[in-house]
Protein backbone atom coordinates (compact mmCIF):
# COMPACT_ATOMS: atom_id res chain seq x y z
CA MET A 1 9.39 14.61 -15.94
CA SER A 2 11.06 13.40 -19.13
CA ASN A 3 14.03 15.21 -20.66
CA ASN A 4 11.84 16.50 -23.50
CA GLU A 5 9.33 17.96 -21.05
CA GLU A 6 12.09 19.55 -18.99
CA ASN A 7 13.69 21.06 -22.09
CA LYS A 8 10.30 22.42 -23.18
CA ALA A 9 9.37 23.89 -19.79
CA ALA A 10 12.76 25.41 -18.90
CA PRO A 11 12.77 28.10 -21.63
CA ASP A 12 9.27 29.18 -20.57
CA LEU A 13 10.43 29.68 -16.99
CA GLU A 14 13.58 31.51 -18.10
CA ARG A 15 11.61 33.76 -20.46
CA ASP A 16 8.99 34.62 -17.83
CA ALA A 17 11.66 35.27 -15.19
CA GLU A 18 13.50 37.58 -17.60
CA SER A 19 10.24 39.41 -18.40
CA SER A 20 9.62 39.88 -14.69
CA ASN A 21 13.11 41.33 -14.19
CA VAL A 22 12.70 43.69 -17.16
CA ALA A 23 9.34 44.89 -15.87
CA HIS A 24 10.83 45.47 -12.43
CA ASP A 25 13.66 47.53 -13.94
CA ASN A 26 11.11 49.56 -15.91
CA ILE A 27 9.25 50.39 -12.71
CA ASP A 28 12.42 51.52 -10.96
CA ARG A 29 13.48 53.62 -13.94
CA SER A 30 10.06 55.27 -14.37
CA GLU A 31 9.70 56.01 -10.65
CA THR A 32 13.21 57.51 -10.56
CA VAL A 33 12.50 59.80 -13.52
CA LEU A 34 9.15 60.79 -11.98
CA GLU A 35 10.78 61.65 -8.66
CA GLN A 36 13.56 63.63 -10.36
CA THR A 37 11.04 65.59 -12.45
CA MET A 38 8.91 66.45 -9.43
CA ASN A 39 11.98 67.51 -7.43
CA GLU A 40 13.24 69.60 -10.32
CA PHE A 41 10.21 71.86 -10.15
CA ASN A 42 9.80 71.78 -6.38
CA PRO A 43 11.26 74.94 -4.76
CA GLU A 44 11.22 73.29 -1.35
CA VAL A 45 13.62 70.67 -2.66
CA ASN A 46 15.95 72.69 -4.88
CA GLY A 47 15.79 75.90 -2.85
CA ASP A 48 15.15 78.13 -5.87
CA GLU A 49 11.67 79.70 -5.85
CA THR A 50 12.29 81.42 -9.21
CA ILE A 51 11.90 78.05 -10.91
CA ALA A 52 8.31 77.84 -9.73
CA ASN A 53 7.62 81.25 -11.23
CA ASN A 54 9.19 80.54 -14.59
CA ILE A 55 7.93 77.06 -15.42
CA ASP A 56 5.01 76.31 -17.68
CA VAL A 57 2.56 74.64 -15.29
CA GLY A 58 0.73 72.90 -18.13
CA VAL A 59 3.95 71.36 -19.45
CA TYR A 60 4.92 70.33 -15.94
CA GLU A 61 1.59 68.65 -15.24
CA GLU A 62 1.62 66.95 -18.62
CA ARG A 63 5.10 65.58 -17.97
CA ILE A 64 4.12 64.34 -14.52
CA ALA A 65 0.99 62.68 -15.92
CA GLN A 66 3.09 61.03 -18.63
CA LEU A 67 5.58 59.67 -16.09
CA GLU A 68 2.80 58.48 -13.78
CA GLY A 69 1.30 56.64 -16.75
CA GLU A 70 4.66 55.01 -17.46
CA VAL A 71 4.94 53.91 -13.83
CA LYS A 72 1.42 52.46 -13.94
CA ALA A 73 2.14 50.62 -17.21
CA ALA A 74 5.40 49.28 -15.81
CA LYS A 75 3.64 47.99 -12.69
CA GLU A 76 0.97 46.31 -14.83
CA GLY A 77 3.72 44.72 -16.89
CA GLN A 78 5.38 43.51 -13.70
CA ALA A 79 2.10 41.96 -12.52
CA ARG A 80 1.59 40.17 -15.86
CA ALA A 81 5.17 38.93 -15.87
CA ASN A 82 4.81 37.61 -12.31
CA ALA A 83 1.56 35.87 -13.26
CA ASP A 84 3.18 34.28 -16.33
CA ALA A 85 6.12 33.06 -14.25
CA TYR A 86 3.76 31.64 -11.62
CA ASN A 87 1.66 29.84 -14.26
CA ALA A 88 4.76 28.42 -15.95
CA GLN A 89 6.02 27.11 -12.61
CA LYS A 90 2.65 25.48 -11.86
CA ARG A 91 2.56 23.87 -15.32
CA MET A 92 6.03 22.44 -14.75
CA GLU A 93 5.00 21.07 -11.34
CA GLN A 94 1.86 19.49 -12.84
CA GLU A 95 3.84 17.88 -15.67
CA THR A 96 6.37 16.54 -13.17
CA GLU A 97 3.61 15.07 -11.00
CA LYS A 98 1.87 13.56 -14.03
CA SER A 99 5.10 11.99 -15.25
CA ARG A 100 5.80 10.57 -11.80
CA LYS A 101 2.33 9.04 -11.54
CA PHE A 102 2.31 7.37 -14.93
CA ALA A 103 5.99 6.50 -15.43
CA LEU A 104 5.22 2.89 -14.43
CA GLN A 105 2.26 2.52 -16.77
CA LYS A 106 3.94 0.25 -19.35
CA PHE A 107 5.72 -1.82 -16.70
CA ALA A 108 2.57 -2.24 -14.60
CA LYS A 109 0.54 -3.27 -17.65
CA GLU A 110 3.02 -6.03 -18.42
CA LEU A 111 2.84 -7.26 -14.82
CA LEU A 112 -0.91 -7.74 -15.22
CA GLU A 113 -0.18 -10.77 -17.40
CA VAL A 114 1.62 -12.35 -14.44
CA VAL A 115 -1.36 -11.63 -12.21
CA ASP A 116 -3.70 -13.17 -14.80
CA ASN A 117 -1.57 -16.32 -14.96
CA LEU A 118 -1.56 -16.64 -11.18
CA GLU A 119 -5.35 -16.34 -11.10
CA ARG A 120 -5.66 -19.01 -13.80
CA ALA A 121 -3.32 -21.22 -11.79
CA ILE A 122 -5.48 -20.78 -8.67
CA VAL A 123 -8.63 -21.74 -10.59
CA SER A 124 -6.86 -24.74 -12.12
CA VAL A 125 -5.50 -26.01 -8.80
CA GLN A 126 -8.87 -25.54 -7.08
CA ALA A 127 -10.53 -27.65 -9.78
CA ASP A 128 -8.05 -30.49 -9.24
CA ASP A 129 -9.26 -32.78 -6.46
CA ASP A 130 -5.79 -34.29 -6.14
CA ALA A 131 -4.00 -30.93 -5.90
CA ASP A 132 -1.72 -30.22 -2.98
CA ASP A 133 -3.26 -27.67 -0.60
CA ALA A 134 0.20 -26.28 0.15
CA ILE A 135 0.77 -25.48 -3.53
CA LEU A 136 -2.61 -23.77 -3.74
CA GLU A 137 -1.85 -21.70 -0.66
CA GLY A 138 1.55 -20.73 -2.08
CA VAL A 139 0.06 -19.55 -5.36
CA LYS A 140 -2.60 -17.56 -3.49
CA LEU A 141 0.04 -15.86 -1.34
CA THR A 142 2.12 -15.00 -4.41
CA HIS A 143 -0.96 -13.56 -6.11
CA LYS A 144 -1.80 -11.51 -3.01
CA SER A 145 1.76 -10.19 -2.82
CA PHE A 146 1.65 -9.06 -6.45
CA LEU A 147 -1.61 -7.21 -5.90
CA THR A 148 -0.23 -5.57 -2.73
CA VAL A 149 2.82 -4.25 -4.58
CA LEU A 150 0.71 -3.00 -7.50
CA ASN A 151 -1.72 -1.33 -5.12
CA LYS A 152 1.16 0.38 -3.34
CA HIS A 153 2.09 2.05 -6.62
CA GLY A 154 -1.43 3.20 -7.48
CA VAL A 155 -2.79 0.17 -9.38
CA GLU A 156 -6.39 -0.70 -8.45
CA VAL A 157 -8.46 -3.73 -9.52
CA VAL A 158 -11.65 -3.24 -11.54
CA ASP A 159 -13.85 -6.25 -10.74
CA PRO A 160 -17.40 -5.04 -11.54
CA GLN A 161 -19.51 -8.17 -11.17
CA GLN A 162 -23.16 -7.28 -10.44
CA GLU A 163 -22.39 -3.59 -10.94
CA ALA A 164 -23.87 -1.24 -13.55
CA PHE A 165 -22.04 -1.45 -16.88
CA ASN A 166 -19.62 1.47 -17.31
CA PRO A 167 -18.17 1.80 -20.84
CA GLU A 168 -15.32 3.92 -19.47
CA LEU A 169 -14.07 1.01 -17.35
CA HIS A 170 -15.64 -2.09 -18.86
CA GLU A 171 -15.51 -3.76 -22.27
CA ALA A 172 -18.59 -5.83 -23.15
CA VAL A 173 -17.66 -9.01 -25.02
CA GLY A 174 -20.86 -11.00 -24.60
CA ILE A 175 -24.37 -11.28 -23.19
CA ASP A 176 -25.14 -12.76 -19.78
CA PRO A 177 -28.81 -13.92 -19.71
CA ASN A 178 -28.75 -14.38 -15.94
CA VAL A 179 -28.46 -10.71 -14.95
CA ALA A 180 -30.58 -7.60 -15.43
CA ALA A 181 -30.15 -5.31 -18.42
CA ASP A 182 -27.03 -3.08 -18.36
CA THR A 183 -25.67 -5.02 -15.39
CA VAL A 184 -22.31 -6.78 -15.42
CA GLY A 185 -22.64 -10.51 -15.05
CA GLU A 186 -19.62 -12.73 -15.65
CA VAL A 187 -16.22 -11.02 -15.51
CA LEU A 188 -13.98 -12.78 -18.02
CA GLN A 189 -10.93 -10.66 -17.21
CA LYS A 190 -10.50 -8.11 -14.45
CA GLY A 191 -9.58 -4.56 -15.34
CA TYR A 192 -7.09 -2.23 -13.67
CA THR A 193 -6.54 1.50 -13.19
CA LEU A 194 -3.32 3.38 -12.44
CA ASN A 195 -3.80 6.44 -10.25
CA GLY A 196 -7.35 6.79 -11.55
CA ARG A 197 -6.41 6.35 -15.23
CA LEU A 198 -7.65 3.23 -17.01
CA LEU A 199 -4.81 0.79 -17.48
CA ARG A 200 -6.89 -2.07 -18.86
CA PRO A 201 -10.69 -2.37 -19.14
CA ALA A 202 -12.49 -5.27 -17.53
CA MET A 203 -13.78 -7.76 -20.12
CA VAL A 204 -17.34 -8.61 -19.13
CA LYS A 205 -20.65 -10.10 -20.15
CA VAL A 206 -23.62 -7.79 -19.73
CA GLY A 207 -27.32 -8.37 -19.17
CA GLN A 208 -29.58 -7.49 -22.10
């Protein structure tokens, strides 16, 4: 996660944690007052039966109902605060994971130019009848090593020849008369994805 994302998420977590603590304190306070009120008018607790004879039952019941309502509201507030804190934590975890996955996006995209050059070199050497086989093999191994490293970090090749044209992954730059309609024919430049996100579309010719 970037510093900006951390700075943005931290206050949310602190605020939700504080709300949860406040709600918890409200529950404790309301339950304490409720218990004290019930004990106050309970002759079995205070040992004075005259209290039970002198109190206004309606006022007593109203007060108890009020306190029970406050306890219920405090518990609902606690539940909401806990849910908010949980959601904020999950959002922070998701942002962290997203940042981790795509932190290499710019760097990986620049490395694709190196891969392209290696592939051009392979084609060029293969077309040269006088080329040294050892040089060709060396370039192929270097190309394979690059792709292995990229793949290790979530970069996948999009090479859709003879596949159905997909505008989300492919960019049509011409017509290929030798393939069926909406089918990818010649692939002029391979595409790549990074952890499922399009890094560069494949440049292709499509059947008409």
